[in-house]
């Protein structure tokens, strides 16, 4: 049991050591932050009208009126 625990401990140490090796050393006094100017252009567009719902409603109302006229 002790050997198994030791094996997992060593594997964990190796995993953490392998993941942390990508860091590069910077010279003292060197600015490590990047400064960028960000320009945003905002284009305001009017929302498009939903005509399909209005058209469908008109067609349904027209059909109801036609049926009423046929019954008379």
Protein backbone atom coordinates (compact mmCIF):
# COMPACT_ATOMS: atom_id res chain seq x y z
CA UNK A 1 0.00 0.00 0.00
CA UNK A 2 2.85 2.37 0.83
CA UNK A 3 4.49 1.63 -2.52
CA UNK A 4 1.24 2.35 -4.37
CA UNK A 5 0.83 5.67 -2.55
CA UNK A 6 4.44 6.58 -3.32
CA UNK A 7 3.92 5.68 -6.99
CA UNK A 8 0.90 8.01 -7.27
CA UNK A 9 2.74 10.77 -5.41
CA UNK A 10 5.69 10.58 -7.80
CA UNK A 11 3.36 10.50 -10.80
CA UNK A 12 1.57 13.61 -9.49
CA UNK A 13 4.84 15.46 -8.95
CA UNK A 14 5.96 14.60 -12.47
CA UNK A 15 2.65 15.77 -13.90
CA UNK A 16 2.85 19.15 -12.16
CA UNK A 17 6.50 19.55 -13.11
CA UNK A 18 5.76 18.79 -16.77
CA UNK A 19 2.91 21.32 -16.96
CA UNK A 20 4.83 24.24 -15.45
CA UNK A 21 7.90 24.26 -17.72
CA UNK A 22 6.59 26.54 -20.48
CA UNK A 23 7.29 29.81 -18.65
CA UNK A 24 10.01 32.00 -20.14
CA UNK A 25 12.21 34.16 -17.94
CA UNK A 26 12.00 37.88 -18.66
CA UNK A 27 14.87 40.33 -18.24
CA UNK A 28 14.63 42.68 -15.28
CA UNK A 29 12.99 45.99 -16.12
CA UNK A 30 11.37 44.63 -19.27
CA UNK A 31 7.71 45.49 -19.61
CA UNK A 32 5.76 42.28 -20.00
CA UNK A 33 2.35 43.82 -20.63
CA UNK A 34 1.13 44.49 -24.11
CA UNK A 35 -0.55 47.78 -24.82
CA UNK A 36 -3.04 47.89 -27.65
CA UNK A 37 -5.39 50.54 -28.86
CA UNK A 38 -8.88 49.25 -29.28
CA UNK A 39 -11.22 51.03 -31.62
CA UNK A 40 -14.81 49.95 -31.75
CA UNK A 41 -17.20 50.96 -34.43
CA UNK A 42 -20.82 50.60 -33.51
CA UNK A 43 -23.31 50.49 -36.33
CA UNK A 44 -26.87 50.84 -35.20
CA UNK A 45 -29.41 49.22 -37.41
CA UNK A 46 -33.13 49.37 -37.05
CA UNK A 47 -34.61 45.98 -36.24
CA UNK A 48 -36.30 44.34 -39.17
CA UNK A 49 -40.05 44.24 -39.00
CA UNK A 50 -41.63 40.83 -38.56
CA UNK A 51 -44.05 40.89 -41.47
CA UNK A 52 -44.75 37.17 -41.60
CA UNK A 53 -46.87 37.25 -38.45
CA UNK A 54 -48.83 40.24 -39.69
CA UNK A 55 -49.34 38.67 -43.12
CA UNK A 56 -50.50 35.40 -41.61
CA UNK A 57 -52.96 37.20 -39.34
CA UNK A 58 -54.41 39.11 -42.31
CA UNK A 59 -54.83 35.90 -44.32
CA UNK A 60 -56.59 34.14 -41.45
CA UNK A 61 -58.96 37.08 -40.95
CA UNK A 62 -59.70 37.23 -44.69
CA UNK A 63 -60.54 33.51 -44.75
CA UNK A 64 -62.85 33.92 -41.75
CA UNK A 65 -64.66 36.77 -43.51
CA UNK A 66 -64.98 34.71 -46.70
CA UNK A 67 -66.51 31.83 -44.76
CA UNK A 68 -68.97 34.20 -43.08
CA UNK A 69 -69.98 35.61 -46.46
CA UNK A 70 -70.44 32.11 -47.92
CA UNK A 71 -72.75 31.14 -45.06
CA UNK A 72 -75.02 34.14 -45.63
